Amino acid sequence: MYIHIQNEVIEFKNDIQLIEEIFSTINNCLEKESLEFSHLIIDNNSIYDNFYDNFVQNIDNIQKVEVAIKTITDLVNDTLLSTFKYIENAMPLISELAEEFYQKTNEDTWSQLSDMLEGLQWIIETLTNIDEIKDLKTIVNDYSIWNEYVQAVSNLTNIVPELETAMIGKDIILIADILLYEMIAVFENMHAKLKFLVPRVVEKGVN
């Protein structure tokens, strides 16, 4: 069989004992070239999951395996979907965390806040990376809503240094106020914008 990855073609024997080596070779090539895996096309049939089982069942007959790579659009959509899920899961936790800072904090409270701060920085970083993409208006679902999302995240950018200062000063009341009266509103706004921007599906790696 022949494995096609971008412009590279690798030949393997049709041997069930070599399946793990085939997958390892594919993953190494993807990692080496910093490519994101999408799916396999085995003898003109697109396969999105159960790769190993598919190889086992058809090992004697497979002739051509094409490794489909994610496009810029795929990568943008994956990032938007991840951000949407993160925000959706974080929203109910923000008010709970604020309540803890109003009442009684412990080591876990500060740890959760630190994790949340990392999440905020990740949101800002990914937005910056996406916003620098050329012809972005042809990639996102609605460019005007994307710009509204950018504005929403800019509000988040203003909150982060304020939150960091409060954390350094151990000002637990200010931290709680920021979470409850600023952060929740910003997250709700971002969530509302992302509803119109997110796509579907995700899958990563060959196994």
C-alpha atoms as a PDB file:
ATOM      1  CA  MET A   1       0.000   0.000   0.000  1.00  0.00           C
ATOM      2  CA  TYR A   2       1.009   3.635  -0.468  1.00  0.00           C
ATOM      3  CA  ILE A   3       0.564   6.298   2.223  1.00  0.00           C
ATOM      4  CA  HIS A   4       0.192   9.835   0.831  1.00  0.00           C
ATOM      5  CA  ILE A   5       0.962  12.739   3.192  1.00  0.00           C
ATOM      6  CA  GLN A   6       1.053  16.098   1.429  1.00  0.00           C
ATOM      7  CA  ASN A   7       3.711  15.609  -1.274  1.00  0.00           C
ATOM      8  CA  GLU A   8       5.296  12.580   0.364  1.00  0.00           C
ATOM      9  CA  VAL A   9       4.508   8.961  -0.576  1.00  0.00           C
ATOM     10  CA  ILE A  10       5.543   6.094   1.709  1.00  0.00           C
ATOM     11  CA  GLU A  11       5.222   2.422   0.754  1.00  0.00           C
ATOM     12  CA  PHE A  12       4.300  -0.303   3.251  1.00  0.00           C
ATOM     13  CA  LYS A  13       3.610  -4.001   2.908  1.00  0.00           C
ATOM     14  CA  ASN A  14       0.014  -5.054   3.490  1.00  0.00           C
ATOM     15  CA  ASP A  15       0.866  -6.733   6.760  1.00  0.00           C
ATOM     16  CA  ILE A  16      -1.330  -6.585   9.867  1.00  0.00           C
ATOM     17  CA  GLN A  17       1.840  -6.553  11.993  1.00  0.00           C
ATOM     18  CA  LEU A  18       2.813  -3.209  10.460  1.00  0.00           C
ATOM     19  CA  ILE A  19      -0.362  -1.281  11.279  1.00  0.00           C
ATOM     20  CA  GLU A  20       1.073   0.287  14.444  1.00  0.00           C
ATOM     21  CA  GLU A  21       4.204   1.278  12.513  1.00  0.00           C
ATOM     22  CA  ILE A  22       2.066   2.834   9.757  1.00  0.00           C
ATOM     23  CA  PHE A  23       0.148   4.945  12.272  1.00  0.00           C
ATOM     24  CA  SER A  24       3.351   5.910  14.060  1.00  0.00           C
ATOM     25  CA  THR A  25       4.902   7.001  10.756  1.00  0.00           C
ATOM     26  CA  ILE A  26       1.849   9.099   9.893  1.00  0.00           C
ATOM     27  CA  ASN A  27       1.812  10.785  13.298  1.00  0.00           C
ATOM     28  CA  ASN A  28       5.552  11.464  13.150  1.00  0.00           C
ATOM     29  CA  CYS A  29       5.176  13.094   9.738  1.00  0.00           C
ATOM     30  CA  LEU A  30       2.314  15.251  11.005  1.00  0.00           C
ATOM     31  CA  GLU A  31       4.312  16.316  14.043  1.00  0.00           C
ATOM     32  CA  LYS A  32       7.456  17.006  12.024  1.00  0.00           C
ATOM     33  CA  GLU A  33       5.628  19.336   9.641  1.00  0.00           C
ATOM     34  CA  SER A  34       3.329  20.801  12.352  1.00  0.00           C
ATOM     35  CA  LEU A  35       0.254  19.582  10.453  1.00  0.00           C
ATOM     36  CA  GLU A  36      -3.172  18.952  11.964  1.00  0.00           C
ATOM     37  CA  PHE A  37      -4.805  15.627  11.112  1.00  0.00           C
ATOM     38  CA  SER A  38      -8.341  15.645   9.711  1.00  0.00           C
ATOM     39  CA  HIS A  39      -9.173  12.116   8.483  1.00  0.00           C
ATOM     40  CA  LEU A  40      -8.022   9.284   6.215  1.00  0.00           C
ATOM     41  CA  ILE A  41      -9.089   8.542   2.677  1.00  0.00           C
ATOM     42  CA  ILE A  42      -8.630   4.823   2.131  1.00  0.00           C
ATOM     43  CA  ASP A  43      -9.033   3.772  -1.498  1.00  0.00           C
ATOM     44  CA  ASN A  44     -11.245   6.835  -2.146  1.00  0.00           C
ATOM     45  CA  ASN A  45     -13.403   6.257   0.960  1.00  0.00           C
ATOM     46  CA  SER A  46     -13.272   8.951   3.650  1.00  0.00           C
ATOM     47  CA  ILE A  47     -12.780   7.449   7.126  1.00  0.00           C
ATOM     48  CA  TYR A  48     -13.210   9.635  10.222  1.00  0.00           C
ATOM     49  CA  ASP A  49     -12.830   7.129  13.064  1.00  0.00           C
ATOM     50  CA  ASN A  50     -12.062   3.489  13.939  1.00  0.00           C
ATOM     51  CA  PHE A  51      -8.921   3.649  11.816  1.00  0.00           C
ATOM     52  CA  TYR A  52      -7.237   0.627  13.353  1.00  0.00           C
ATOM     53  CA  ASP A  53     -10.281  -1.613  12.914  1.00  0.00           C
ATOM     54  CA  ASN A  54     -10.650  -0.457   9.332  1.00  0.00           C
ATOM     55  CA  PHE A  55      -7.043  -1.377   8.588  1.00  0.00           C
ATOM     56  CA  VAL A  56      -7.393  -4.784  10.266  1.00  0.00           C
ATOM     57  CA  GLN A  57     -10.530  -5.627   8.284  1.00  0.00           C
ATOM     58  CA  ASN A  58      -9.117  -4.510   4.938  1.00  0.00           C
ATOM     59  CA  ILE A  59      -5.380  -5.008   5.318  1.00  0.00           C
ATOM     60  CA  ASP A  60      -5.059  -7.401   2.377  1.00  0.00           C
ATOM     61  CA  ASN A  61      -6.802  -5.087  -0.072  1.00  0.00           C
ATOM     62  CA  ILE A  62      -5.761  -1.526   0.857  1.00  0.00           C
ATOM     63  CA  GLN A  63      -3.873   0.112  -1.969  1.00  0.00           C
ATOM     64  CA  LYS A  64      -3.871   3.844  -1.289  1.00  0.00           C
ATOM     65  CA  VAL A  65      -4.179   5.800   1.964  1.00  0.00           C
ATOM     66  CA  GLU A  66      -4.382   9.573   1.791  1.00  0.00           C
ATOM     67  CA  VAL A  67      -3.874  11.564   4.991  1.00  0.00           C
ATOM     68  CA  ALA A  68      -6.232  14.541   4.894  1.00  0.00           C
ATOM     69  CA  ILE A  69      -4.876  17.631   6.606  1.00  0.00           C
ATOM     70  CA  LYS A  70      -6.945  20.289   8.308  1.00  0.00           C
ATOM     71  CA  THR A  71      -7.204  23.576   6.447  1.00  0.00           C
ATOM     72  CA  ILE A  72      -6.891  27.043   7.971  1.00  0.00           C
ATOM     73  CA  THR A  73     -10.693  27.114   8.100  1.00  0.00           C
ATOM     74  CA  ASP A  74     -10.739  23.804  10.005  1.00  0.00           C
ATOM     75  CA  LEU A  75      -8.188  25.094  12.507  1.00  0.00           C
ATOM     76  CA  VAL A  76     -10.062  28.360  13.052  1.00  0.00           C
ATOM     77  CA  ASN A  77     -13.338  26.509  13.528  1.00  0.00           C
ATOM     78  CA  ASP A  78     -11.742  24.055  15.971  1.00  0.00           C
ATOM     79  CA  THR A  79     -10.377  26.942  18.023  1.00  0.00           C
ATOM     80  CA  LEU A  80     -13.716  28.744  18.062  1.00  0.00           C
ATOM     81  CA  LEU A  81     -15.468  25.561  19.138  1.00  0.00           C
ATOM     82  CA  SER A  82     -12.952  24.947  21.931  1.00  0.00           C
ATOM     83  CA  THR A  83     -13.352  28.540  23.114  1.00  0.00           C
ATOM     84  CA  PHE A  84     -17.139  28.246  23.034  1.00  0.00           C
ATOM     85  CA  LYS A  85     -17.061  25.059  25.126  1.00  0.00           C
ATOM     86  CA  TYR A  86     -14.603  26.563  27.587  1.00  0.00           C
ATOM     87  CA  ILE A  87     -16.749  29.684  28.090  1.00  0.00           C
ATOM     88  CA  GLU A  88     -19.943  27.643  28.382  1.00  0.00           C
ATOM     89  CA  ASN A  89     -18.413  25.435  31.089  1.00  0.00           C
ATOM     90  CA  ALA A  90     -16.770  28.356  32.901  1.00  0.00           C
ATOM     91  CA  MET A  91     -19.806  30.639  33.204  1.00  0.00           C
ATOM     92  CA  PRO A  92     -21.542  28.813  36.082  1.00  0.00           C
ATOM     93  CA  LEU A  93     -18.199  28.373  37.841  1.00  0.00           C
ATOM     94  CA  ILE A  94     -17.439  32.111  37.892  1.00  0.00           C
ATOM     95  CA  SER A  95     -20.317  32.991  40.210  1.00  0.00           C
ATOM     96  CA  GLU A  96     -19.468  30.011  42.451  1.00  0.00           C
ATOM     97  CA  LEU A  97     -15.858  31.152  42.631  1.00  0.00           C
ATOM     98  CA  ALA A  98     -16.909  34.731  43.400  1.00  0.00           C
ATOM     99  CA  GLU A  99     -19.079  33.447  46.240  1.00  0.00           C
ATOM    100  CA  GLU A 100     -16.116  31.575  47.710  1.00  0.00           C
ATOM    101  CA  PHE A 101     -14.022  34.751  47.692  1.00  0.00           C
ATOM    102  CA  TYR A 102     -16.818  36.654  49.414  1.00  0.00           C
ATOM    103  CA  GLN A 103     -17.100  34.001  52.105  1.00  0.00           C
ATOM    104  CA  LYS A 104     -14.067  31.801  52.779  1.00  0.00           C
ATOM    105  CA  THR A 105     -11.136  31.036  50.503  1.00  0.00           C
ATOM    106  CA  ASN A 106      -8.823  28.050  50.629  1.00  0.00           C
ATOM    107  CA  GLU A 107      -5.952  26.669  48.555  1.00  0.00           C
ATOM    108  CA  ASP A 108      -8.355  25.172  46.025  1.00  0.00           C
ATOM    109  CA  THR A 109     -10.107  28.537  45.561  1.00  0.00           C
ATOM    110  CA  TRP A 110      -6.840  30.235  44.617  1.00  0.00           C
ATOM    111  CA  SER A 111      -5.891  27.305  42.384  1.00  0.00           C
ATOM    112  CA  GLN A 112      -9.189  27.576  40.480  1.00  0.00           C
ATOM    113  CA  LEU A 113      -8.673  31.311  40.060  1.00  0.00           C
ATOM    114  CA  SER A 114      -5.158  30.749  38.730  1.00  0.00           C
ATOM    115  CA  ASP A 115      -6.512  28.183  36.239  1.00  0.00           C
ATOM    116  CA  MET A 116      -9.193  30.648  35.156  1.00  0.00           C
ATOM    117  CA  LEU A 117      -6.599  33.358  34.586  1.00  0.00           C
ATOM    118  CA  GLU A 118      -4.679  30.983  32.309  1.00  0.00           C
ATOM    119  CA  GLY A 119      -7.926  30.327  30.440  1.00  0.00           C
ATOM    120  CA  LEU A 120      -8.511  34.060  29.957  1.00  0.00           C
ATOM    121  CA  GLN A 121      -5.016  34.513  28.591  1.00  0.00           C
ATOM    122  CA  TRP A 122      -5.556  31.567  26.237  1.00  0.00           C
ATOM    123  CA  ILE A 123      -8.781  33.149  24.905  1.00  0.00           C
ATOM    124  CA  ILE A 124      -6.967  36.437  24.260  1.00  0.00           C
ATOM    125  CA  GLU A 125      -3.993  34.715  22.607  1.00  0.00           C
ATOM    126  CA  THR A 126      -6.099  32.555  20.287  1.00  0.00           C
ATOM    127  CA  LEU A 127      -8.214  35.523  19.237  1.00  0.00           C
ATOM    128  CA  THR A 128      -5.074  37.516  18.408  1.00  0.00           C
ATOM    129  CA  ASN A 129      -3.722  34.646  16.301  1.00  0.00           C
ATOM    130  CA  ILE A 130      -6.990  34.220  14.394  1.00  0.00           C
ATOM    131  CA  ASP A 131      -7.487  37.947  13.860  1.00  0.00           C
ATOM    132  CA  GLU A 132      -4.101  38.161  12.108  1.00  0.00           C
ATOM    133  CA  ILE A 133      -5.110  35.600   9.456  1.00  0.00           C
ATOM    134  CA  LYS A 134      -5.261  37.024   5.957  1.00  0.00           C
ATOM    135  CA  ASP A 135      -8.728  36.990   4.347  1.00  0.00           C
ATOM    136  CA  LEU A 136     -10.343  36.051   7.653  1.00  0.00           C
ATOM    137  CA  LYS A 137     -13.660  37.412   6.410  1.00  0.00           C
ATOM    138  CA  THR A 138     -13.839  34.482   3.965  1.00  0.00           C
ATOM    139  CA  ILE A 139     -13.220  31.964   6.776  1.00  0.00           C
ATOM    140  CA  VAL A 140     -15.491  32.893   9.688  1.00  0.00           C
ATOM    141  CA  ASN A 141     -19.249  32.435   9.408  1.00  0.00           C
ATOM    142  CA  ASP A 142     -20.063  36.110   9.932  1.00  0.00           C
ATOM    143  CA  TYR A 143     -17.302  38.704   9.838  1.00  0.00           C
ATOM    144  CA  SER A 144     -19.393  41.454  11.440  1.00  0.00           C
ATOM    145  CA  ILE A 145     -20.167  39.185  14.402  1.00  0.00           C
ATOM    146  CA  TRP A 146     -16.491  38.229  14.535  1.00  0.00           C
ATOM    147  CA  ASN A 147     -15.661  41.913  14.997  1.00  0.00           C
ATOM    148  CA  GLU A 148     -18.251  42.107  17.770  1.00  0.00           C
ATOM    149  CA  TYR A 149     -16.567  39.106  19.399  1.00  0.00           C
ATOM    150  CA  VAL A 150     -13.203  40.871  19.103  1.00  0.00           C
ATOM    151  CA  GLN A 151     -14.696  43.846  20.928  1.00  0.00           C
ATOM    152  CA  ALA A 152     -16.069  41.547  23.635  1.00  0.00           C
ATOM    153  CA  VAL A 153     -12.649  39.989  24.160  1.00  0.00           C
ATOM    154  CA  SER A 154     -11.070  43.440  24.318  1.00  0.00           C
ATOM    155  CA  ASN A 155     -13.193  44.007  27.434  1.00  0.00           C
ATOM    156  CA  LEU A 156     -11.699  40.798  28.802  1.00  0.00           C
ATOM    157  CA  THR A 157      -8.236  42.160  28.040  1.00  0.00           C
ATOM    158  CA  ASN A 158      -8.987  45.128  30.282  1.00  0.00           C
ATOM    159  CA  ILE A 159     -10.109  42.869  33.140  1.00  0.00           C
ATOM    160  CA  VAL A 160      -7.056  40.588  33.202  1.00  0.00           C
ATOM    161  CA  PRO A 161      -4.477  43.103  34.561  1.00  0.00           C
ATOM    162  CA  GLU A 162      -7.049  44.308  37.103  1.00  0.00           C
ATOM    163  CA  LEU A 163      -7.575  40.731  38.252  1.00  0.00           C
ATOM    164  CA  GLU A 164      -3.823  40.053  38.362  1.00  0.00           C
ATOM    165  CA  THR A 165      -3.266  43.123  40.551  1.00  0.00           C
ATOM    166  CA  ALA A 166      -6.027  42.021  42.932  1.00  0.00           C
ATOM    167  CA  MET A 167      -4.497  38.528  43.112  1.00  0.00           C
ATOM    168  CA  ILE A 168      -1.039  39.889  43.899  1.00  0.00           C
ATOM    169  CA  GLY A 169      -2.517  42.069  46.634  1.00  0.00           C
ATOM    170  CA  LYS A 170      -4.681  39.208  47.954  1.00  0.00           C
ATOM    171  CA  ASP A 171      -7.668  41.567  47.755  1.00  0.00           C
ATOM    172  CA  ILE A 172     -10.345  38.891  47.971  1.00  0.00           C
ATOM    173  CA  ILE A 173     -13.310  41.300  47.915  1.00  0.00           C
ATOM    174  CA  LEU A 174     -12.038  43.041  44.784  1.00  0.00           C
ATOM    175  CA  ILE A 175     -11.446  39.641  43.162  1.00  0.00           C
ATOM    176  CA  ALA A 176     -15.011  38.600  43.962  1.00  0.00           C
ATOM    177  CA  ASP A 177     -16.372  41.904  42.616  1.00  0.00           C
ATOM    178  CA  ILE A 178     -14.434  41.545  39.361  1.00  0.00           C
ATOM    179  CA  LEU A 179     -15.673  37.996  38.864  1.00  0.00           C
ATOM    180  CA  LEU A 180     -19.288  38.734  39.712  1.00  0.00           C
ATOM    181  CA  TYR A 181     -19.816  42.198  38.224  1.00  0.00           C
ATOM    182  CA  GLU A 182     -17.391  42.253  35.298  1.00  0.00           C
ATOM    183  CA  MET A 183     -16.323  38.772  34.260  1.00  0.00           C
ATOM    184  CA  ILE A 184     -19.754  37.163  34.047  1.00  0.00           C
ATOM    185  CA  ALA A 185     -21.110  39.916  31.780  1.00  0.00           C
ATOM    186  CA  VAL A 186     -18.087  39.657  29.454  1.00  0.00           C
ATOM    187  CA  PHE A 187     -18.366  35.861  29.279  1.00  0.00           C
ATOM    188  CA  GLU A 188     -22.087  36.069  28.507  1.00  0.00           C
ATOM    189  CA  ASN A 189     -21.353  38.531  25.699  1.00  0.00           C
ATOM    190  CA  MET A 190     -18.577  36.358  24.231  1.00  0.00           C
ATOM    191  CA  HIS A 191     -20.790  33.285  24.484  1.00  0.00           C
ATOM    192  CA  ALA A 192     -23.602  35.052  22.631  1.00  0.00           C
ATOM    193  CA  LYS A 193     -21.270  36.051  19.771  1.00  0.00           C
ATOM    194  CA  LEU A 194     -19.626  32.634  19.498  1.00  0.00           C
ATOM    195  CA  LYS A 195     -23.022  30.966  19.095  1.00  0.00           C
ATOM    196  CA  PHE A 196     -23.089  32.433  15.590  1.00  0.00           C
ATOM    197  CA  LEU A 197     -19.468  31.578  14.809  1.00  0.00           C
ATOM    198  CA  VAL A 198     -18.969  28.009  16.008  1.00  0.00           C
ATOM    199  CA  PRO A 199     -19.055  25.042  13.619  1.00  0.00           C
ATOM    200  CA  ARG A 200     -19.166  21.339  14.528  1.00  0.00           C
ATOM    201  CA  VAL A 201     -16.891  18.228  14.752  1.00  0.00           C
ATOM    202  CA  VAL A 202     -13.370  17.626  15.966  1.00  0.00           C
ATOM    203  CA  GLU A 203     -10.971  14.645  15.801  1.00  0.00           C
ATOM    204  CA  LYS A 204      -7.260  14.447  16.343  1.00  0.00           C
ATOM    205  CA  GLY A 205      -4.512  11.914  15.584  1.00  0.00           C
ATOM    206  CA  VAL A 206      -4.525   8.467  14.042  1.00  0.00           C
ATOM    207  CA  ASN A 207      -5.181   5.380  16.152  1.00  0.00           C
END
